[in-house]
């Protein structure tokens, strides 16, 4: 059962906004840098997990779009997080 946070209107609205911006800018996966396959339904991921920084749950600078493989690796603690700027995008990837 998903956490109620992920069913909230605020999260769904922000998630859509982040995906739309990444897609419009043609940004790659925030973890591996591979072009995102938008047909594979990429995931908006918290760079610093919600359990560690609940106050940043809706902070765009703490969000990145990742492919399913990277999301799975991150969930298991394998892939390192990418640092983002205040605009929520990895440094050097535009805004």
C-alpha atoms as a PDB file:
ATOM      1  CA  UNK A   1       0.000   0.000   0.000  1.00  0.00           C
ATOM      2  CA  UNK A   2       1.514   3.370  -1.009  1.00  0.00           C
ATOM      3  CA  UNK A   3       2.233   6.012   1.595  1.00  0.00           C
ATOM      4  CA  UNK A   4      -0.540   8.667   1.774  1.00  0.00           C
ATOM      5  CA  UNK A   5       2.028  11.320   0.810  1.00  0.00           C
ATOM      6  CA  UNK A   6       2.247   9.860  -2.699  1.00  0.00           C
ATOM      7  CA  UNK A   7      -1.533  10.137  -3.103  1.00  0.00           C
ATOM      8  CA  UNK A   8      -1.623  13.801  -2.056  1.00  0.00           C
ATOM      9  CA  UNK A   9      -2.650  16.465  -4.550  1.00  0.00           C
ATOM     10  CA  UNK A  10       0.450  18.485  -3.694  1.00  0.00           C
ATOM     11  CA  UNK A  11       2.819  15.615  -4.541  1.00  0.00           C
ATOM     12  CA  UNK A  12       0.989  14.670  -7.739  1.00  0.00           C
ATOM     13  CA  UNK A  13       1.000  18.294  -8.936  1.00  0.00           C
ATOM     14  CA  UNK A  14       4.706  18.795  -8.158  1.00  0.00           C
ATOM     15  CA  UNK A  15       5.662  15.423  -9.653  1.00  0.00           C
ATOM     16  CA  UNK A  16       3.895  16.336 -12.910  1.00  0.00           C
ATOM     17  CA  UNK A  17       5.581  19.740 -12.987  1.00  0.00           C
ATOM     18  CA  UNK A  18       9.055  18.238 -12.434  1.00  0.00           C
ATOM     19  CA  UNK A  19       8.543  15.572 -15.120  1.00  0.00           C
ATOM     20  CA  UNK A  20       7.255  18.154 -17.611  1.00  0.00           C
ATOM     21  CA  UNK A  21      10.245  20.427 -17.044  1.00  0.00           C
ATOM     22  CA  UNK A  22      12.808  17.606 -17.345  1.00  0.00           C
ATOM     23  CA  UNK A  23      11.110  16.332 -20.501  1.00  0.00           C
ATOM     24  CA  UNK A  24      10.924  19.812 -22.071  1.00  0.00           C
ATOM     25  CA  UNK A  25      14.619  20.384 -21.377  1.00  0.00           C
ATOM     26  CA  UNK A  26      15.573  16.904 -22.589  1.00  0.00           C
ATOM     27  CA  UNK A  27      17.400  16.133 -19.353  1.00  0.00           C
ATOM     28  CA  UNK A  28      18.796  12.638 -18.794  1.00  0.00           C
ATOM     29  CA  UNK A  29      18.303  10.415 -15.760  1.00  0.00           C
ATOM     30  CA  UNK A  30      19.423  12.296 -12.669  1.00  0.00           C
ATOM     31  CA  UNK A  31      21.485   9.299 -11.541  1.00  0.00           C
ATOM     32  CA  UNK A  32      23.101   7.601 -14.536  1.00  0.00           C
ATOM     33  CA  UNK A  33      22.891  10.376 -17.143  1.00  0.00           C
ATOM     34  CA  UNK A  34      21.312   8.097 -19.769  1.00  0.00           C
ATOM     35  CA  UNK A  35      18.538   9.693 -21.862  1.00  0.00           C
ATOM     36  CA  UNK A  36      15.167   9.119 -20.247  1.00  0.00           C
ATOM     37  CA  UNK A  37      12.705   6.801 -21.980  1.00  0.00           C
ATOM     38  CA  UNK A  38       9.498   8.697 -21.283  1.00  0.00           C
ATOM     39  CA  UNK A  39       7.433   5.699 -22.449  1.00  0.00           C
ATOM     40  CA  UNK A  40       8.908   3.683 -19.560  1.00  0.00           C
ATOM     41  CA  UNK A  41       7.304   6.032 -17.001  1.00  0.00           C
ATOM     42  CA  UNK A  42      10.369   7.426 -15.218  1.00  0.00           C
ATOM     43  CA  UNK A  43      10.176   8.226 -11.535  1.00  0.00           C
ATOM     44  CA  UNK A  44      10.433  11.513  -9.667  1.00  0.00           C
ATOM     45  CA  UNK A  45      12.800  10.668  -6.839  1.00  0.00           C
ATOM     46  CA  UNK A  46      13.748  12.437  -3.625  1.00  0.00           C
ATOM     47  CA  UNK A  47      17.505  13.024  -3.628  1.00  0.00           C
ATOM     48  CA  UNK A  48      17.551  13.146   0.163  1.00  0.00           C
ATOM     49  CA  UNK A  49      14.939  10.565   1.200  1.00  0.00           C
ATOM     50  CA  UNK A  50      11.744  11.808   2.834  1.00  0.00           C
ATOM     51  CA  UNK A  51      12.481   9.807   5.976  1.00  0.00           C
ATOM     52  CA  UNK A  52      15.762  11.725   6.402  1.00  0.00           C
ATOM     53  CA  UNK A  53      14.412  15.170   5.479  1.00  0.00           C
ATOM     54  CA  UNK A  54      10.613  15.224   5.661  1.00  0.00           C
ATOM     55  CA  UNK A  55      10.674  19.023   5.485  1.00  0.00           C
ATOM     56  CA  UNK A  56      12.096  18.727   1.937  1.00  0.00           C
ATOM     57  CA  UNK A  57       9.407  16.345   0.645  1.00  0.00           C
ATOM     58  CA  UNK A  58       7.932  19.050  -1.623  1.00  0.00           C
ATOM     59  CA  UNK A  59      11.174  20.964  -2.246  1.00  0.00           C
ATOM     60  CA  UNK A  60      11.869  20.957  -6.003  1.00  0.00           C
ATOM     61  CA  UNK A  61      15.611  21.215  -5.353  1.00  0.00           C
ATOM     62  CA  UNK A  62      15.381  17.814  -3.645  1.00  0.00           C
ATOM     63  CA  UNK A  63      13.767  16.101  -6.640  1.00  0.00           C
ATOM     64  CA  UNK A  64      15.181  14.429  -9.730  1.00  0.00           C
ATOM     65  CA  UNK A  65      13.765  12.276 -12.514  1.00  0.00           C
ATOM     66  CA  UNK A  66      15.348   8.831 -12.668  1.00  0.00           C
ATOM     67  CA  UNK A  67      14.945   5.683 -14.725  1.00  0.00           C
ATOM     68  CA  UNK A  68      13.531   2.546 -13.108  1.00  0.00           C
ATOM     69  CA  UNK A  69      16.941   0.876 -12.903  1.00  0.00           C
ATOM     70  CA  UNK A  70      18.467   3.786 -10.999  1.00  0.00           C
ATOM     71  CA  UNK A  71      15.433   4.059  -8.756  1.00  0.00           C
ATOM     72  CA  UNK A  72      15.798   0.392  -7.842  1.00  0.00           C
ATOM     73  CA  UNK A  73      19.544   0.751  -7.221  1.00  0.00           C
ATOM     74  CA  UNK A  74      18.969   3.829  -5.047  1.00  0.00           C
ATOM     75  CA  UNK A  75      16.277   2.019  -3.077  1.00  0.00           C
ATOM     76  CA  UNK A  76      18.870  -0.635  -2.266  1.00  0.00           C
ATOM     77  CA  UNK A  77      21.564   1.936  -1.475  1.00  0.00           C
ATOM     78  CA  UNK A  78      23.725   1.176  -4.512  1.00  0.00           C
ATOM     79  CA  UNK A  79      23.721   4.345  -6.659  1.00  0.00           C
ATOM     80  CA  UNK A  80      25.042   7.678  -5.318  1.00  0.00           C
ATOM     81  CA  UNK A  81      22.761  10.701  -5.318  1.00  0.00           C
ATOM     82  CA  UNK A  82      23.395  13.544  -7.748  1.00  0.00           C
ATOM     83  CA  UNK A  83      23.678  16.982  -6.180  1.00  0.00           C
ATOM     84  CA  UNK A  84      21.300  19.578  -7.574  1.00  0.00           C
ATOM     85  CA  UNK A  85      21.249  23.345  -7.621  1.00  0.00           C
ATOM     86  CA  UNK A  86      18.527  25.553  -6.160  1.00  0.00           C
ATOM     87  CA  UNK A  87      16.484  25.063  -9.338  1.00  0.00           C
ATOM     88  CA  UNK A  88      16.224  21.315  -8.666  1.00  0.00           C
ATOM     89  CA  UNK A  89      18.376  20.240 -11.596  1.00  0.00           C
ATOM     90  CA  UNK A  90      21.841  18.675 -11.559  1.00  0.00           C
ATOM     91  CA  UNK A  91      24.586  21.266 -11.893  1.00  0.00           C
ATOM     92  CA  UNK A  92      25.355  22.125 -15.517  1.00  0.00           C
ATOM     93  CA  UNK A  93      22.122  20.671 -16.941  1.00  0.00           C
ATOM     94  CA  UNK A  94      20.370  24.013 -17.435  1.00  0.00           C
ATOM     95  CA  UNK A  95      17.239  25.357 -15.883  1.00  0.00           C
END
